[in-house]
Amino acid sequence: NTNKLIHVANLRVELILKNDAGVSDERIVAFPPLGLNTLGAEQGMGDSFKSMGYLLMKNGDLCDYHKLTFTVKSATATINGKKVDLLKTDNLHIIQNR
């Protein structure tokens, strides 16, 4: 139904990364726009509402992802032109692949 098209832009997720030795860092991951109008062409994941991001690790202590945990500190996006706190609306689902 075309009256329910959703456009998600300016998606930013702030993460707190921590290893088992207590070394931590805060990083922001930015994502390209999501939604039916993007057709997911730039994502290559076959679903225009899924995206993934990579973090360049500047701290060698955080490179061993098997010993790394993360907490989402904040997550915001512009959805259909309105700024939304994704943590308050429970609209953010993170799938962690190892």
PDB file of N, CA and C in Angstrom:
ATOM      1  N   ASN A   1       0.841  -1.165   0.000  1.00  0.00           N
ATOM      2  CA  ASN A   1       0.000   0.000   0.000  1.00  0.00           C
ATOM      3  C   ASN A   1       0.889   1.232   0.000  1.00  0.00           C
ATOM      4  N   THR A   2       0.822   2.049  -1.010  1.00  0.00           N
ATOM      5  CA  THR A   2       1.748   3.167  -1.163  1.00  0.00           C
ATOM      6  C   THR A   2       1.510   4.311  -0.195  1.00  0.00           C
ATOM      7  N   ASN A   3       0.393   4.340   0.511  1.00  0.00           N
ATOM      8  CA  ASN A   3       0.191   5.421   1.482  1.00  0.00           C
ATOM      9  C   ASN A   3       0.943   5.175   2.787  1.00  0.00           C
ATOM     10  N   LYS A   4       1.679   4.079   2.884  1.00  0.00           N
ATOM     11  CA  LYS A   4       2.448   3.775   4.086  1.00  0.00           C
ATOM     12  C   LYS A   4       3.945   3.698   3.798  1.00  0.00           C
ATOM     13  N   LEU A   5       4.410   4.362   2.733  1.00  0.00           N
ATOM     14  CA  LEU A   5       5.836   4.379   2.435  1.00  0.00           C
ATOM     15  C   LEU A   5       6.579   5.103   3.546  1.00  0.00           C
ATOM     16  N   ILE A   6       7.720   4.583   3.909  1.00  0.00           N
ATOM     17  CA  ILE A   6       8.522   5.170   4.977  1.00  0.00           C
ATOM     18  C   ILE A   6       9.892   5.512   4.417  1.00  0.00           C
ATOM     19  N   HIS A   7      10.368   6.694   4.763  1.00  0.00           N
ATOM     20  CA  HIS A   7      11.719   7.098   4.388  1.00  0.00           C
ATOM     21  C   HIS A   7      12.492   7.390   5.672  1.00  0.00           C
ATOM     22  N   VAL A   8      13.625   6.730   5.826  1.00  0.00           N
ATOM     23  CA  VAL A   8      14.471   6.906   7.001  1.00  0.00           C
ATOM     24  C   VAL A   8      15.781   7.535   6.549  1.00  0.00           C
ATOM     25  N   ALA A   9      16.130   8.678   7.125  1.00  0.00           N
ATOM     26  CA  ALA A   9      17.377   9.365   6.782  1.00  0.00           C
ATOM     27  C   ALA A   9      18.103   9.742   8.073  1.00  0.00           C
ATOM     28  N   ASN A  10      19.353  10.132   7.921  1.00  0.00           N
ATOM     29  CA  ASN A  10      20.166  10.606   9.057  1.00  0.00           C
ATOM     30  C   ASN A  10      20.183   9.625  10.224  1.00  0.00           C
ATOM     31  N   LEU A  11      20.231   8.348   9.925  1.00  0.00           N
ATOM     32  CA  LEU A  11      20.276   7.335  10.983  1.00  0.00           C
ATOM     33  C   LEU A  11      21.664   7.343  11.614  1.00  0.00           C
ATOM     34  N   ARG A  12      21.690   7.609  12.910  1.00  0.00           N
ATOM     35  CA  ARG A  12      22.932   7.654  13.669  1.00  0.00           C
ATOM     36  C   ARG A  12      22.762   6.805  14.916  1.00  0.00           C
ATOM     37  N   VAL A  13      23.722   5.901  15.138  1.00  0.00           N
ATOM     38  CA  VAL A  13      23.702   5.045  16.320  1.00  0.00           C
ATOM     39  C   VAL A  13      25.007   5.270  17.071  1.00  0.00           C
ATOM     40  N   GLU A  14      24.904   5.690  18.328  1.00  0.00           N
ATOM     41  CA  GLU A  14      26.088   5.899  19.154  1.00  0.00           C
ATOM     42  C   GLU A  14      26.284   4.666  20.030  1.00  0.00           C
ATOM     43  N   LEU A  15      27.470   4.072  19.914  1.00  0.00           N
ATOM     44  CA  LEU A  15      27.787   2.833  20.627  1.00  0.00           C
ATOM     45  C   LEU A  15      28.857   3.071  21.680  1.00  0.00           C
ATOM     46  N   ILE A  16      28.753   2.355  22.781  1.00  0.00           N
ATOM     47  CA  ILE A  16      29.831   2.281  23.759  1.00  0.00           C
ATOM     48  C   ILE A  16      30.427   0.889  23.607  1.00  0.00           C
ATOM     49  N   LEU A  17      31.672   0.836  23.182  1.00  0.00           N
ATOM     50  CA  LEU A  17      32.377  -0.431  22.973  1.00  0.00           C
ATOM     51  C   LEU A  17      33.261  -0.701  24.180  1.00  0.00           C
ATOM     52  N   LYS A  18      33.340  -1.965  24.586  1.00  0.00           N
ATOM     53  CA  LYS A  18      34.152  -2.316  25.745  1.00  0.00           C
ATOM     54  C   LYS A  18      34.707  -3.723  25.567  1.00  0.00           C
ATOM     55  N   ASN A  19      35.994  -3.891  25.901  1.00  0.00           N
ATOM     56  CA  ASN A  19      36.572  -5.236  25.837  1.00  0.00           C
ATOM     57  C   ASN A  19      36.612  -5.846  27.234  1.00  0.00           C
ATOM     58  N   ASP A  20      37.079  -7.077  27.316  1.00  0.00           N
ATOM     59  CA  ASP A  20      37.069  -7.782  28.602  1.00  0.00           C
ATOM     60  C   ASP A  20      38.092  -7.239  29.595  1.00  0.00           C
ATOM     61  N   ALA A  21      39.028  -6.391  29.131  1.00  0.00           N
ATOM     62  CA  ALA A  21      40.011  -5.782  30.025  1.00  0.00           C
ATOM     63  C   ALA A  21      39.543  -4.420  30.541  1.00  0.00           C
ATOM     64  N   GLY A  22      38.348  -3.994  30.127  1.00  0.00           N
ATOM     65  CA  GLY A  22      37.803  -2.730  30.597  1.00  0.00           C
ATOM     66  C   GLY A  22      38.102  -1.533  29.716  1.00  0.00           C
ATOM     67  N   VAL A  23      38.828  -1.739  28.613  1.00  0.00           N
ATOM     68  CA  VAL A  23      39.099  -0.648  27.678  1.00  0.00           C
ATOM     69  C   VAL A  23      37.805  -0.331  26.937  1.00  0.00           C
ATOM     70  N   SER A  24      37.454   0.954  26.860  1.00  0.00           N
ATOM     71  CA  SER A  24      36.202   1.312  26.200  1.00  0.00           C
ATOM     72  C   SER A  24      36.386   2.521  25.291  1.00  0.00           C
ATOM     73  N   ASP A  25      35.420   2.712  24.416  1.00  0.00           N
ATOM     74  CA  ASP A  25      35.419   3.830  23.477  1.00  0.00           C
ATOM     75  C   ASP A  25      33.977   4.068  23.052  1.00  0.00           C
ATOM     76  N   GLU A  26      33.662   5.305  22.730  1.00  0.00           N
ATOM     77  CA  GLU A  26      32.338   5.636  22.201  1.00  0.00           C
ATOM     78  C   GLU A  26      32.489   5.987  20.732  1.00  0.00           C
ATOM     79  N   ARG A  27      31.616   5.415  19.904  1.00  0.00           N
ATOM     80  CA  ARG A  27      31.682   5.649  18.460  1.00  0.00           C
ATOM     81  C   ARG A  27      30.284   5.864  17.916  1.00  0.00           C
ATOM     82  N   ILE A  28      30.198   6.664  16.856  1.00  0.00           N
ATOM     83  CA  ILE A  28      28.931   6.902  16.168  1.00  0.00           C
ATOM     84  C   ILE A  28      29.000   6.257  14.797  1.00  0.00           C
ATOM     85  N   VAL A  29      27.990   5.461  14.485  1.00  0.00           N
ATOM     86  CA  VAL A  29      27.888   4.821  13.172  1.00  0.00           C
ATOM     87  C   VAL A  29      26.764   5.521  12.420  1.00  0.00           C
ATOM     88  N   ALA A  30      27.065   5.983  11.208  1.00  0.00           N
ATOM     89  CA  ALA A  30      26.068   6.643  10.363  1.00  0.00           C
ATOM     90  C   ALA A  30      25.676   5.698   9.234  1.00  0.00           C
ATOM     91  N   PHE A  31      24.409   5.720   8.866  1.00  0.00           N
ATOM     92  CA  PHE A  31      23.891   4.831   7.835  1.00  0.00           C
ATOM     93  C   PHE A  31      23.282   5.637   6.699  1.00  0.00           C
ATOM     94  N   PRO A  32      23.327   5.095   5.477  1.00  0.00           N
ATOM     95  CA  PRO A  32      22.673   5.765   4.348  1.00  0.00           C
ATOM     96  C   PRO A  32      21.155   5.684   4.492  1.00  0.00           C
ATOM     97  N   PRO A  33      20.422   6.504   3.742  1.00  0.00           N
ATOM     98  CA  PRO A  33      18.950   6.463   3.820  1.00  0.00           C
ATOM     99  C   PRO A  33      18.401   5.066   3.556  1.00  0.00           C
ATOM    100  N   LEU A  34      17.293   4.755   4.235  1.00  0.00           N
ATOM    101  CA  LEU A  34      16.609   3.471   4.079  1.00  0.00           C
ATOM    102  C   LEU A  34      15.178   3.731   3.652  1.00  0.00           C
ATOM    103  N   GLY A  35      14.576   2.774   2.973  1.00  0.00           N
ATOM    104  CA  GLY A  35      13.162   2.884   2.637  1.00  0.00           C
ATOM    105  C   GLY A  35      12.872   2.415   1.239  1.00  0.00           C
ATOM    106  N   LEU A  36      11.603   2.334   0.934  1.00  0.00           N
ATOM    107  CA  LEU A  36      11.196   1.836  -0.375  1.00  0.00           C
ATOM    108  C   LEU A  36      11.659   2.734  -1.505  1.00  0.00           C
ATOM    109  N   ASN A  37      11.750   4.046  -1.247  1.00  0.00           N
ATOM    110  CA  ASN A  37      12.161   4.940  -2.313  1.00  0.00           C
ATOM    111  C   ASN A  37      13.644   4.828  -2.645  1.00  0.00           C
ATOM    112  N   THR A  38      14.442   4.186  -1.797  1.00  0.00           N
ATOM    113  CA  THR A  38      15.851   3.976  -2.123  1.00  0.00           C
ATOM    114  C   THR A  38      16.049   2.668  -2.870  1.00  0.00           C
ATOM    115  N   LEU A  39      15.061   1.813  -2.851  1.00  0.00           N
ATOM    116  CA  LEU A  39      15.102   0.491  -3.484  1.00  0.00           C
ATOM    117  C   LEU A  39      16.222  -0.384  -2.959  1.00  0.00           C
ATOM    118  N   GLY A  40      16.910   0.069  -1.932  1.00  0.00           N
ATOM    119  CA  GLY A  40      17.977  -0.734  -1.348  1.00  0.00           C
ATOM    120  C   GLY A  40      19.130  -0.992  -2.286  1.00  0.00           C
ATOM    121  N   ALA A  41      19.230  -0.225  -3.367  1.00  0.00           N
ATOM    122  CA  ALA A  41      20.234  -0.492  -4.393  1.00  0.00           C
ATOM    123  C   ALA A  41      21.651  -0.398  -3.857  1.00  0.00           C
ATOM    124  N   GLU A  42      21.895   0.575  -2.986  1.00  0.00           N
ATOM    125  CA  GLU A  42      23.253   0.752  -2.479  1.00  0.00           C
ATOM    126  C   GLU A  42      23.589  -0.228  -1.371  1.00  0.00           C
ATOM    127  N   GLN A  43      22.615  -0.900  -0.831  1.00  0.00           N
ATOM    128  CA  GLN A  43      22.850  -1.793   0.292  1.00  0.00           C
ATOM    129  C   GLN A  43      23.288  -3.192  -0.137  1.00  0.00           C
ATOM    130  N   GLY A  44      22.721  -3.688  -1.214  1.00  0.00           N
ATOM    131  CA  GLY A  44      23.079  -5.019  -1.666  1.00  0.00           C
ATOM    132  C   GLY A  44      22.624  -6.121  -0.736  1.00  0.00           C
ATOM    133  N   MET A  45      21.661  -5.844   0.133  1.00  0.00           N
ATOM    134  CA  MET A  45      21.218  -6.843   1.104  1.00  0.00           C
ATOM    135  C   MET A  45      19.854  -7.417   0.747  1.00  0.00           C
ATOM    136  N   GLY A  46      19.245  -6.935  -0.333  1.00  0.00           N
ATOM    137  CA  GLY A  46      17.967  -7.475  -0.760  1.00  0.00           C
ATOM    138  C   GLY A  46      16.770  -6.982   0.030  1.00  0.00           C
ATOM    139  N   ASP A  47      16.978  -6.097   0.982  1.00  0.00           N
ATOM    140  CA  ASP A  47      15.887  -5.554   1.784  1.00  0.00           C
ATOM    141  C   ASP A  47      16.175  -4.076   2.006  1.00  0.00           C
ATOM    142  N   SER A  48      15.306  -3.219   1.503  1.00  0.00           N
ATOM    143  CA  SER A  48      15.565  -1.781   1.579  1.00  0.00           C
ATOM    144  C   SER A  48      15.413  -1.215   2.989  1.00  0.00           C
ATOM    145  N   PHE A  49      14.986  -2.034   3.957  1.00  0.00           N
ATOM    146  CA  PHE A  49      14.860  -1.567   5.331  1.00  0.00           C
ATOM    147  C   PHE A  49      15.930  -2.158   6.240  1.00  0.00           C
ATOM    148  N   LYS A  50      16.956  -2.769   5.669  1.00  0.00           N
ATOM    149  CA  LYS A  50      18.081  -3.277   6.442  1.00  0.00           C
ATOM    150  C   LYS A  50      19.337  -2.561   5.986  1.00  0.00           C
ATOM    151  N   SER A  51      20.243  -2.355   6.916  1.00  0.00           N
ATOM    152  CA  SER A  51      21.509  -1.721   6.593  1.00  0.00           C
ATOM    153  C   SER A  51      22.557  -2.247   7.553  1.00  0.00           C
ATOM    154  N   MET A  52      23.805  -2.072   7.190  1.00  0.00           N
ATOM    155  CA  MET A  52      24.878  -2.463   8.078  1.00  0.00           C
ATOM    156  C   MET A  52      25.975  -1.421   8.011  1.00  0.00           C
ATOM    157  N   GLY A  53      26.732  -1.333   9.078  1.00  0.00           N
ATOM    158  CA  GLY A  53      27.809  -0.362   9.127  1.00  0.00           C
ATOM    159  C   GLY A  53      29.059  -0.998   9.694  1.00  0.00           C
ATOM    160  N   TYR A  54      30.182  -0.396   9.353  1.00  0.00           N
ATOM    161  CA  TYR A  54      31.468  -0.878   9.836  1.00  0.00           C
ATOM    162  C   TYR A  54      32.139   0.225  10.635  1.00  0.00           C
ATOM    163  N   LEU A  55      32.876  -0.162  11.653  1.00  0.00           N
ATOM    164  CA  LEU A  55      33.634   0.788  12.452  1.00  0.00           C
ATOM    165  C   LEU A  55      35.113   0.590  12.183  1.00  0.00           C
ATOM    166  N   LEU A  56      35.806   1.665  11.893  1.00  0.00           N
ATOM    167  CA  LEU A  56      37.256   1.632  11.788  1.00  0.00           C
ATOM    168  C   LEU A  56      37.802   1.715  13.207  1.00  0.00           C
ATOM    169  N   MET A  57      38.504   0.690  13.631  1.00  0.00           N
ATOM    170  CA  MET A  57      39.011   0.654  14.999  1.00  0.00           C
ATOM    171  C   MET A  57      40.370   1.330  15.060  1.00  0.00           C
ATOM    172  N   LYS A  58      40.418   2.432  15.774  1.00  0.00           N
ATOM    173  CA  LYS A  58      41.664   3.177  15.938  1.00  0.00           C
ATOM    174  C   LYS A  58      42.420   2.718  17.177  1.00  0.00           C
ATOM    175  N   ASN A  59      41.755   1.957  18.026  1.00  0.00           N
ATOM    176  CA  ASN A  59      42.350   1.455  19.255  1.00  0.00           C
ATOM    177  C   ASN A  59      42.533  -0.050  19.107  1.00  0.00           C
ATOM    178  N   GLY A  60      43.778  -0.500  19.054  1.00  0.00           N
ATOM    179  CA  GLY A  60      44.078  -1.917  18.868  1.00  0.00           C
ATOM    180  C   GLY A  60      43.499  -2.819  19.944  1.00  0.00           C
ATOM    181  N   ASP A  61      43.263  -2.265  21.134  1.00  0.00           N
ATOM    182  CA  ASP A  61      42.695  -3.056  22.229  1.00  0.00           C
ATOM    183  C   ASP A  61      41.256  -3.472  21.953  1.00  0.00           C
ATOM    184  N   LEU A  62      40.610  -2.805  21.000  1.00  0.00           N
ATOM    185  CA  LEU A  62      39.208  -3.108  20.700  1.00  0.00           C
ATOM    186  C   LEU A  62      39.040  -3.893  19.400  1.00  0.00           C
ATOM    187  N   CYS A  63      40.134  -4.369  18.833  1.00  0.00           N
ATOM    188  CA  CYS A  63      40.056  -5.073  17.548  1.00  0.00           C
ATOM    189  C   CYS A  63      39.607  -6.525  17.666  1.00  0.00           C
ATOM    190  N   ASP A  64      39.803  -7.142  18.810  1.00  0.00           N
ATOM    191  CA  ASP A  64      39.389  -8.537  18.980  1.00  0.00           C
ATOM    192  C   ASP A  64      37.893  -8.566  19.279  1.00  0.00           C
ATOM    193  N   TYR A  65      37.089  -8.680  18.217  1.00  0.00           N
ATOM    194  CA  TYR A  65      35.638  -8.571  18.379  1.00  0.00           C
ATOM    195  C   TYR A  65      35.034  -9.726  19.175  1.00  0.00           C
ATOM    196  N   HIS A  66      35.766 -10.821  19.347  1.00  0.00           N
ATOM    197  CA  HIS A  66      35.251 -11.926  20.161  1.00  0.00           C
ATOM    198  C   HIS A  66      35.171 -11.538  21.641  1.00  0.00           C
ATOM    199  N   LYS A  67      35.995 -10.561  22.041  1.00  0.00           N
ATOM    200  CA  LYS A  67      36.011 -10.115  23.433  1.00  0.00           C
ATOM    201  C   LYS A  67      35.366  -8.739  23.590  1.00  0.00           C
ATOM    202  N   LEU A  68      34.663  -8.294  22.569  1.00  0.00           N
ATOM    203  CA  LEU A  68      34.090  -6.952  22.552  1.00  0.00           C
ATOM    204  C   LEU A  68      32.589  -6.997  22.820  1.00  0.00           C
ATOM    205  N   THR A  69      32.132  -6.127  23.689  1.00  0.00           N
ATOM    206  CA  THR A  69      30.696  -5.957  23.906  1.00  0.00           C
ATOM    207  C   THR A  69      30.343  -4.520  23.545  1.00  0.00           C
ATOM    208  N   PHE A  70      29.074  -4.286  23.296  1.00  0.00           N
ATOM    209  CA  PHE A  70      28.659  -2.920  22.999  1.00  0.00           C
ATOM    210  C   PHE A  70      27.310  -2.635  23.632  1.00  0.00           C
ATOM    211  N   THR A  71      27.102  -1.362  23.885  1.00  0.00           N
ATOM    212  CA  THR A  71      25.833  -0.851  24.386  1.00  0.00           C
ATOM    213  C   THR A  71      25.421   0.287  23.474  1.00  0.00           C
ATOM    214  N   VAL A  72      24.157   0.346  23.123  1.00  0.00           N
ATOM    215  CA  VAL A  72      23.661   1.454  22.312  1.00  0.00           C
ATOM    216  C   VAL A  72      23.348   2.609  23.256  1.00  0.00           C
ATOM    217  N   LYS A  73      24.096   3.693  23.124  1.00  0.00           N
ATOM    218  CA  LYS A  73      23.901   4.872  23.972  1.00  0.00           C
ATOM    219  C   LYS A  73      22.766   5.743  23.439  1.00  0.00           C
ATOM    220  N   SER A  74      22.727   5.902  22.122  1.00  0.00           N
ATOM    221  CA  SER A  74      21.645   6.677  21.510  1.00  0.00           C
ATOM    222  C   SER A  74      21.453   6.205  20.077  1.00  0.00           C
ATOM    223  N   ALA A  75      20.269   6.429  19.563  1.00  0.00           N
ATOM    224  CA  ALA A  75      19.950   6.083  18.172  1.00  0.00           C
ATOM    225  C   ALA A  75      18.860   7.038  17.705  1.00  0.00           C
ATOM    226  N   THR A  76      19.189   7.825  16.699  1.00  0.00           N
ATOM    227  CA  THR A  76      18.224   8.790  16.174  1.00  0.00           C
ATOM    228  C   THR A  76      18.164   8.682  14.657  1.00  0.00           C
ATOM    229  N   ALA A  77      17.052   9.108  14.109  1.00  0.00           N
ATOM    230  CA  ALA A  77      16.875   9.126  12.654  1.00  0.00           C
ATOM    231  C   ALA A  77      15.789  10.134  12.320  1.00  0.00           C
ATOM    232  N   THR A  78      15.773  10.531  11.066  1.00  0.00           N
ATOM    233  CA  THR A  78      14.676  11.337  10.547  1.00  0.00           C
ATOM    234  C   THR A  78      13.767  10.386   9.789  1.00  0.00           C
ATOM    235  N   ILE A  79      12.543  10.207  10.274  1.00  0.00           N
ATOM    236  CA  ILE A  79      11.589   9.290   9.652  1.00  0.00           C
ATOM    237  C   ILE A  79      10.432  10.111   9.114  1.00  0.00           C
ATOM    238  N   ASN A  80      10.268  10.028   7.806  1.00  0.00           N
ATOM    239  CA  ASN A  80       9.223  10.818   7.129  1.00  0.00           C
ATOM    240  C   ASN A  80       9.281  12.290   7.529  1.00  0.00           C
ATOM    241  N   GLY A  81      10.524  12.812   7.620  1.00  0.00           N
ATOM    242  CA  GLY A  81      10.724  14.231   7.894  1.00  0.00           C
ATOM    243  C   GLY A  81      10.722  14.633   9.351  1.00  0.00           C
ATOM    244  N   LYS A  82      10.519  13.700  10.275  1.00  0.00           N
ATOM    245  CA  LYS A  82      10.490  14.026  11.701  1.00  0.00           C
ATOM    246  C   LYS A  82      11.635  13.328  12.419  1.00  0.00           C
ATOM    247  N   LYS A  83      12.346  14.070  13.298  1.00  0.00           N
ATOM    248  CA  LYS A  83      13.428  13.472  14.070  1.00  0.00           C
ATOM    249  C   LYS A  83      12.838  12.549  15.133  1.00  0.00           C
ATOM    250  N   VAL A  84      13.373  11.324  15.210  1.00  0.00           N
ATOM    251  CA  VAL A  84      12.825  10.302  16.102  1.00  0.00           C
ATOM    252  C   VAL A  84      13.950   9.706  16.948  1.00  0.00           C
ATOM    253  N   ASP A  85      13.704   9.551  18.245  1.00  0.00           N
ATOM    254  CA  ASP A  85      14.601   8.828  19.138  1.00  0.00           C
ATOM    255  C   ASP A  85      14.204   7.357  19.050  1.00  0.00           C
ATOM    256  N   LEU A  86      15.015   6.562  18.391  1.00  0.00           N
ATOM    257  CA  LEU A  86      14.668   5.167  18.123  1.00  0.00           C
ATOM    258  C   LEU A  86      14.674   4.300  19.378  1.00  0.00           C
ATOM    259  N   LEU A  87      15.407   4.695  20.397  1.00  0.00           N
ATOM    260  CA  LEU A  87      15.397   3.917  21.637  1.00  0.00           C
ATOM    261  C   LEU A  87      14.084   4.110  22.393  1.00  0.00           C
ATOM    262  N   LYS A  88      13.536   5.301  22.354  1.00  0.00           N
ATOM    263  CA  LYS A  88      12.264   5.559  23.043  1.00  0.00           C
ATOM    264  C   LYS A  88      11.087   4.908  22.331  1.00  0.00           C
ATOM    265  N   THR A  89      11.176   4.781  21.013  1.00  0.00           N
ATOM    266  CA  THR A  89      10.057   4.223  20.248  1.00  0.00           C
ATOM    267  C   THR A  89      10.214   2.734  19.980  1.00  0.00           C
ATOM    268  N   ASP A  90      11.326   2.147  20.419  1.00  0.00           N
ATOM    269  CA  ASP A  90      11.587   0.717  20.224  1.00  0.00           C
ATOM    270  C   ASP A  90      11.570   0.333  18.743  1.00  0.00           C
ATOM    271  N   ASN A  91      12.126   1.210  17.899  1.00  0.00           N
ATOM    272  CA  ASN A  91      12.165   0.955  16.459  1.00  0.00           C
ATOM    273  C   ASN A  91      13.525   0.505  15.963  1.00  0.00           C
ATOM    274  N   LEU A  92      14.455   0.237  16.852  1.00  0.00           N
ATOM    275  CA  LEU A  92      15.796  -0.162  16.451  1.00  0.00           C
ATOM    276  C   LEU A  92      16.019  -1.618  16.830  1.00  0.00           C
ATOM    277  N   HIS A  93      16.398  -2.414  15.865  1.00  0.00           N
ATOM    278  CA  HIS A  93      16.696  -3.826  16.104  1.00  0.00           C
ATOM    279  C   HIS A  93      18.100  -4.094  15.586  1.00  0.00           C
ATOM    280  N   ILE A  94      18.991  -4.497  16.473  1.00  0.00           N
ATOM    281  CA  ILE A  94      20.383  -4.745  16.110  1.00  0.00           C
ATOM    282  C   ILE A  94      20.619  -6.239  16.104  1.00  0.00           C
ATOM    283  N   ILE A  95      21.176  -6.694  15.001  1.00  0.00           N
ATOM    284  CA  ILE A  95      21.552  -8.098  14.860  1.00  0.00           C
ATOM    285  C   ILE A  95      23.068  -8.131  14.824  1.00  0.00           C
ATOM    286  N   GLN A  96      23.657  -8.810  15.773  1.00  0.00           N
ATOM    287  CA  GLN A  96      25.108  -8.856  15.866  1.00  0.00           C
ATOM    288  C   GLN A  96      25.614 -10.143  15.234  1.00  0.00           C
ATOM    289  N   ASN A  97      26.424  -9.986  14.204  1.00  0.00           N
ATOM    290  CA  ASN A  97      27.058 -11.137  13.551  1.00  0.00           C
ATOM    291  C   ASN A  97      28.502 -11.219  14.005  1.00  0.00           C
ATOM    292  N   ARG A  98      28.940 -12.400  14.315  1.00  0.00           N
ATOM    293  CA  ARG A  98      30.341 -12.580  14.723  1.00  0.00           C
ATOM    294  C   ARG A  98      31.031 -13.515  13.784  1.00  0.00           C
TER     295      ARG A  98
END
